[in-house]
Amino acid sequence: MRFIVTVFSALILGFLLWMGLAGILSYWGVHAVPTGAVPDSWRHPDSWSEWRDIVIVFTAVFWFIGGILLCALMIAALVLVFLARKVLKENAAPALDSLKLSIDNVRGTAEFAGETVASPIIRVYSVFKGVRTGISAVTNLPDRVKRRKHKK
């Protein structure tokens, strides 16, 4: 596909360059096409106004082709948008529902683990910490009294 576009682009560019060169050379009487190759019904343009008319016609043809391509591109974009909406409705909505169920399962599992595993461990550790703090308070009582006496 890329090769075909390149070839057509090169042909169009070559034709436009040939037309431009022929127009410039015709000003000095040099003809780009030999007179024997031209049918009697057609003559090369003799004046700038004839060249202008030819350029206007080719410009109109290119604008017409561009308009058709723009309409085709707009239709393709609309089809793509509708197709994307259809895919999102059919595939994304069920996937999001499934994701929500999975998240709810994970949340329930985390709550269960927190209640059955973490809570007893926290209770045991808090009792252990309370006993240790109590023992520490009783055993360090003489040291605290000594420190208060030295501060005064």
C-alpha atoms as a PDB file:
ATOM      1  CA  MET A   1       0.000   0.000   0.000  1.00  0.00           C
ATOM      2  CA  ARG A   2       2.812   2.351   0.885  1.00  0.00           C
ATOM      3  CA  PHE A   3       4.492   1.652  -2.458  1.00  0.00           C
ATOM      4  CA  ILE A   4       1.313   2.502  -4.390  1.00  0.00           C
ATOM      5  CA  VAL A   5       0.874   5.784  -2.491  1.00  0.00           C
ATOM      6  CA  THR A   6       4.524   6.647  -3.141  1.00  0.00           C
ATOM      7  CA  VAL A   7       4.191   5.927  -6.856  1.00  0.00           C
ATOM      8  CA  PHE A   8       1.016   7.978  -7.227  1.00  0.00           C
ATOM      9  CA  SER A   9       2.518  10.842  -5.248  1.00  0.00           C
ATOM     10  CA  ALA A  10       5.616  10.780  -7.457  1.00  0.00           C
ATOM     11  CA  LEU A  11       3.470  10.771 -10.608  1.00  0.00           C
ATOM     12  CA  ILE A  12       1.396  13.720  -9.411  1.00  0.00           C
ATOM     13  CA  LEU A  13       4.488  15.651  -8.351  1.00  0.00           C
ATOM     14  CA  GLY A  14       6.214  14.897 -11.659  1.00  0.00           C
ATOM     15  CA  PHE A  15       3.170  16.021 -13.623  1.00  0.00           C
ATOM     16  CA  LEU A  16       2.904  19.256 -11.646  1.00  0.00           C
ATOM     17  CA  LEU A  17       6.618  19.951 -12.128  1.00  0.00           C
ATOM     18  CA  TRP A  18       6.319  19.243 -15.864  1.00  0.00           C
ATOM     19  CA  MET A  19       3.305  21.590 -16.128  1.00  0.00           C
ATOM     20  CA  GLY A  20       5.157  24.308 -14.220  1.00  0.00           C
ATOM     21  CA  LEU A  21       8.300  23.947 -16.331  1.00  0.00           C
ATOM     22  CA  ALA A  22       6.240  23.898 -19.546  1.00  0.00           C
ATOM     23  CA  GLY A  23       4.455  27.063 -18.455  1.00  0.00           C
ATOM     24  CA  ILE A  24       7.677  28.863 -17.677  1.00  0.00           C
ATOM     25  CA  LEU A  25       9.371  27.733 -20.904  1.00  0.00           C
ATOM     26  CA  SER A  26       6.350  28.608 -23.033  1.00  0.00           C
ATOM     27  CA  TYR A  27       6.888  32.229 -22.068  1.00  0.00           C
ATOM     28  CA  TRP A  28      10.059  32.195 -24.200  1.00  0.00           C
ATOM     29  CA  GLY A  29       8.499  30.161 -27.007  1.00  0.00           C
ATOM     30  CA  VAL A  30       9.954  26.774 -25.994  1.00  0.00           C
ATOM     31  CA  HIS A  31       7.340  24.017 -26.066  1.00  0.00           C
ATOM     32  CA  ALA A  32       7.575  21.073 -23.657  1.00  0.00           C
ATOM     33  CA  VAL A  33       5.550  18.824 -25.978  1.00  0.00           C
ATOM     34  CA  PRO A  34       6.597  18.495 -29.626  1.00  0.00           C
ATOM     35  CA  THR A  35       3.934  19.819 -31.975  1.00  0.00           C
ATOM     36  CA  GLY A  36       3.785  16.517 -33.887  1.00  0.00           C
ATOM     37  CA  ALA A  37       2.703  14.635 -30.734  1.00  0.00           C
ATOM     38  CA  VAL A  38      -0.213  16.971 -30.122  1.00  0.00           C
ATOM     39  CA  PRO A  39      -3.507  16.299 -31.901  1.00  0.00           C
ATOM     40  CA  ASP A  40      -4.888  19.070 -34.078  1.00  0.00           C
ATOM     41  CA  SER A  41      -7.770  19.602 -31.739  1.00  0.00           C
ATOM     42  CA  TRP A  42      -5.473  20.639 -28.889  1.00  0.00           C
ATOM     43  CA  ARG A  43      -2.777  23.270 -28.799  1.00  0.00           C
ATOM     44  CA  HIS A  44      -0.446  24.172 -26.006  1.00  0.00           C
ATOM     45  CA  PRO A  45      -1.415  27.254 -24.011  1.00  0.00           C
ATOM     46  CA  ASP A  46      -0.082  30.440 -25.554  1.00  0.00           C
ATOM     47  CA  SER A  47      -0.714  32.861 -22.722  1.00  0.00           C
ATOM     48  CA  TRP A  48      -0.567  33.037 -18.962  1.00  0.00           C
ATOM     49  CA  SER A  49      -4.357  33.313 -18.758  1.00  0.00           C
ATOM     50  CA  GLU A  50      -4.729  29.905 -20.442  1.00  0.00           C
ATOM     51  CA  TRP A  51      -2.210  28.410 -17.991  1.00  0.00           C
ATOM     52  CA  ARG A  52      -4.134  30.022 -15.173  1.00  0.00           C
ATOM     53  CA  ASP A  53      -7.355  28.380 -16.374  1.00  0.00           C
ATOM     54  CA  ILE A  54      -5.654  24.971 -16.575  1.00  0.00           C
ATOM     55  CA  VAL A  55      -4.275  25.365 -13.051  1.00  0.00           C
ATOM     56  CA  ILE A  56      -7.726  26.374 -11.797  1.00  0.00           C
ATOM     57  CA  VAL A  57      -9.260  23.253 -13.345  1.00  0.00           C
ATOM     58  CA  PHE A  58      -6.595  20.961 -11.833  1.00  0.00           C
ATOM     59  CA  THR A  59      -6.958  22.693  -8.470  1.00  0.00           C
ATOM     60  CA  ALA A  60     -10.713  22.130  -8.592  1.00  0.00           C
ATOM     61  CA  VAL A  61     -10.177  18.447  -9.417  1.00  0.00           C
ATOM     62  CA  PHE A  62      -7.779  18.042  -6.482  1.00  0.00           C
ATOM     63  CA  TRP A  63     -10.193  19.850  -4.142  1.00  0.00           C
ATOM     64  CA  PHE A  64     -12.997  17.564  -5.323  1.00  0.00           C
ATOM     65  CA  ILE A  65     -10.876  14.460  -4.674  1.00  0.00           C
ATOM     66  CA  GLY A  66      -9.872  15.881  -1.282  1.00  0.00           C
ATOM     67  CA  GLY A  67     -13.520  16.483  -0.382  1.00  0.00           C
ATOM     68  CA  ILE A  68     -14.446  12.922  -1.281  1.00  0.00           C
ATOM     69  CA  LEU A  69     -11.529  11.593   0.786  1.00  0.00           C
ATOM     70  CA  LEU A  70     -12.540  13.815   3.712  1.00  0.00           C
ATOM     71  CA  CYS A  71     -16.099  12.462   3.599  1.00  0.00           C
ATOM     72  CA  ALA A  72     -14.760   8.901   3.497  1.00  0.00           C
ATOM     73  CA  LEU A  73     -12.495   9.646   6.456  1.00  0.00           C
ATOM     74  CA  MET A  74     -15.390  11.115   8.455  1.00  0.00           C
ATOM     75  CA  ILE A  75     -17.549   8.059   7.740  1.00  0.00           C
ATOM     76  CA  ALA A  76     -14.698   5.749   8.773  1.00  0.00           C
ATOM     77  CA  ALA A  77     -14.223   7.728  12.007  1.00  0.00           C
ATOM     78  CA  LEU A  78     -17.936   7.492  12.831  1.00  0.00           C
ATOM     79  CA  VAL A  79     -17.939   3.738  12.177  1.00  0.00           C
ATOM     80  CA  LEU A  80     -14.896   3.402  14.432  1.00  0.00           C
ATOM     81  CA  VAL A  81     -16.578   5.383  17.225  1.00  0.00           C
ATOM     82  CA  PHE A  82     -19.742   3.288  17.058  1.00  0.00           C
ATOM     83  CA  LEU A  83     -17.713   0.083  16.971  1.00  0.00           C
ATOM     84  CA  ALA A  84     -15.689   1.206  20.005  1.00  0.00           C
ATOM     85  CA  ARG A  85     -18.894   2.022  21.908  1.00  0.00           C
ATOM     86  CA  LYS A  86     -20.315  -1.404  21.068  1.00  0.00           C
ATOM     87  CA  VAL A  87     -17.140  -3.164  22.219  1.00  0.00           C
ATOM     88  CA  LEU A  88     -17.102  -1.174  25.454  1.00  0.00           C
ATOM     89  CA  LYS A  89     -20.741  -2.003  26.186  1.00  0.00           C
ATOM     90  CA  GLU A  90     -20.362  -5.701  25.423  1.00  0.00           C
ATOM     91  CA  ASN A  91     -16.925  -6.365  26.911  1.00  0.00           C
ATOM     92  CA  ALA A  92     -15.976  -3.624  29.338  1.00  0.00           C
ATOM     93  CA  ALA A  93     -19.172  -3.548  31.410  1.00  0.00           C
ATOM     94  CA  PRO A  94     -19.067  -7.291  32.267  1.00  0.00           C
ATOM     95  CA  ALA A  95     -15.348  -7.038  32.953  1.00  0.00           C
ATOM     96  CA  LEU A  96     -15.953  -4.163  35.370  1.00  0.00           C
ATOM     97  CA  ASP A  97     -18.697  -6.126  37.116  1.00  0.00           C
ATOM     98  CA  SER A  98     -16.360  -9.094  37.477  1.00  0.00           C
ATOM     99  CA  LEU A  99     -13.630  -6.799  38.801  1.00  0.00           C
ATOM    100  CA  LYS A 100     -16.040  -5.354  41.374  1.00  0.00           C
ATOM    101  CA  LEU A 101     -16.955  -8.865  42.568  1.00  0.00           C
ATOM    102  CA  SER A 102     -13.275  -9.770  42.843  1.00  0.00           C
ATOM    103  CA  ILE A 103     -12.556  -6.634  44.868  1.00  0.00           C
ATOM    104  CA  ASP A 104     -15.480  -7.415  47.182  1.00  0.00           C
ATOM    105  CA  ASN A 105     -14.095 -10.946  47.683  1.00  0.00           C
ATOM    106  CA  VAL A 106     -10.640  -9.565  48.485  1.00  0.00           C
ATOM    107  CA  ARG A 107     -12.158  -7.055  50.916  1.00  0.00           C
ATOM    108  CA  GLY A 108     -14.131  -9.818  52.675  1.00  0.00           C
ATOM    109  CA  THR A 109     -11.053 -12.017  52.869  1.00  0.00           C
ATOM    110  CA  ALA A 110      -9.005  -9.171  54.346  1.00  0.00           C
ATOM    111  CA  GLU A 111     -11.702  -8.453  56.957  1.00  0.00           C
ATOM    112  CA  PHE A 112     -11.913 -12.143  57.875  1.00  0.00           C
ATOM    113  CA  ALA A 113      -8.139 -12.397  58.185  1.00  0.00           C
ATOM    114  CA  GLY A 114      -8.081  -9.247  60.290  1.00  0.00           C
ATOM    115  CA  GLU A 115     -10.735 -10.530  62.655  1.00  0.00           C
ATOM    116  CA  THR A 116      -9.541 -14.119  62.997  1.00  0.00           C
ATOM    117  CA  VAL A 117      -5.774 -13.775  62.743  1.00  0.00           C
ATOM    118  CA  ALA A 118      -4.710 -10.241  63.578  1.00  0.00           C
ATOM    119  CA  SER A 119      -7.114  -9.513  66.451  1.00  0.00           C
ATOM    120  CA  PRO A 120      -5.953 -12.403  68.697  1.00  0.00           C
ATOM    121  CA  ILE A 121      -2.328 -11.588  68.006  1.00  0.00           C
ATOM    122  CA  ILE A 122      -2.931  -7.937  68.870  1.00  0.00           C
ATOM    123  CA  ARG A 123      -4.723  -8.907  72.089  1.00  0.00           C
ATOM    124  CA  VAL A 124      -1.931 -11.247  73.164  1.00  0.00           C
ATOM    125  CA  TYR A 125       0.716  -8.659  72.358  1.00  0.00           C
ATOM    126  CA  SER A 126      -1.169  -5.908  74.205  1.00  0.00           C
ATOM    127  CA  VAL A 127      -1.490  -8.109  77.310  1.00  0.00           C
ATOM    128  CA  PHE A 128       2.214  -8.990  77.057  1.00  0.00           C
ATOM    129  CA  LYS A 129       3.147  -5.326  76.659  1.00  0.00           C
ATOM    130  CA  GLY A 130       0.939  -4.333  79.612  1.00  0.00           C
ATOM    131  CA  VAL A 131       2.503  -6.965  81.875  1.00  0.00           C
ATOM    132  CA  ARG A 132       5.994  -5.965  80.767  1.00  0.00           C
ATOM    133  CA  THR A 133       5.259  -2.288  81.371  1.00  0.00           C
ATOM    134  CA  GLY A 134       3.824  -3.095  84.801  1.00  0.00           C
ATOM    135  CA  ILE A 135       6.858  -5.163  85.789  1.00  0.00           C
ATOM    136  CA  SER A 136       9.155  -2.472  84.460  1.00  0.00           C
ATOM    137  CA  ALA A 137       7.333   0.175  86.472  1.00  0.00           C
ATOM    138  CA  VAL A 138       7.645  -1.816  89.694  1.00  0.00           C
ATOM    139  CA  THR A 139      11.300  -2.765  89.250  1.00  0.00           C
ATOM    140  CA  ASN A 140      12.450   0.706  88.189  1.00  0.00           C
ATOM    141  CA  LEU A 141      10.711   2.510  91.038  1.00  0.00           C
ATOM    142  CA  PRO A 142      13.858   2.982  93.182  1.00  0.00           C
ATOM    143  CA  ASP A 143      15.742   4.363  90.147  1.00  0.00           C
ATOM    144  CA  ARG A 144      13.010   6.907  89.500  1.00  0.00           C
ATOM    145  CA  VAL A 145      13.059   8.076  93.094  1.00  0.00           C
ATOM    146  CA  LYS A 146      16.848   8.531  92.921  1.00  0.00           C
ATOM    147  CA  ARG A 147      16.581  10.538  89.700  1.00  0.00           C
ATOM    148  CA  ARG A 148      14.006  12.857  91.228  1.00  0.00           C
ATOM    149  CA  LYS A 149      16.204  13.548  94.195  1.00  0.00           C
ATOM    150  CA  HIS A 150      19.176  14.456  91.974  1.00  0.00           C
ATOM    151  CA  LYS A 151      17.085  16.848  89.856  1.00  0.00           C
ATOM    152  CA  LYS A 152      16.033  18.962  92.842  1.00  0.00           C
END
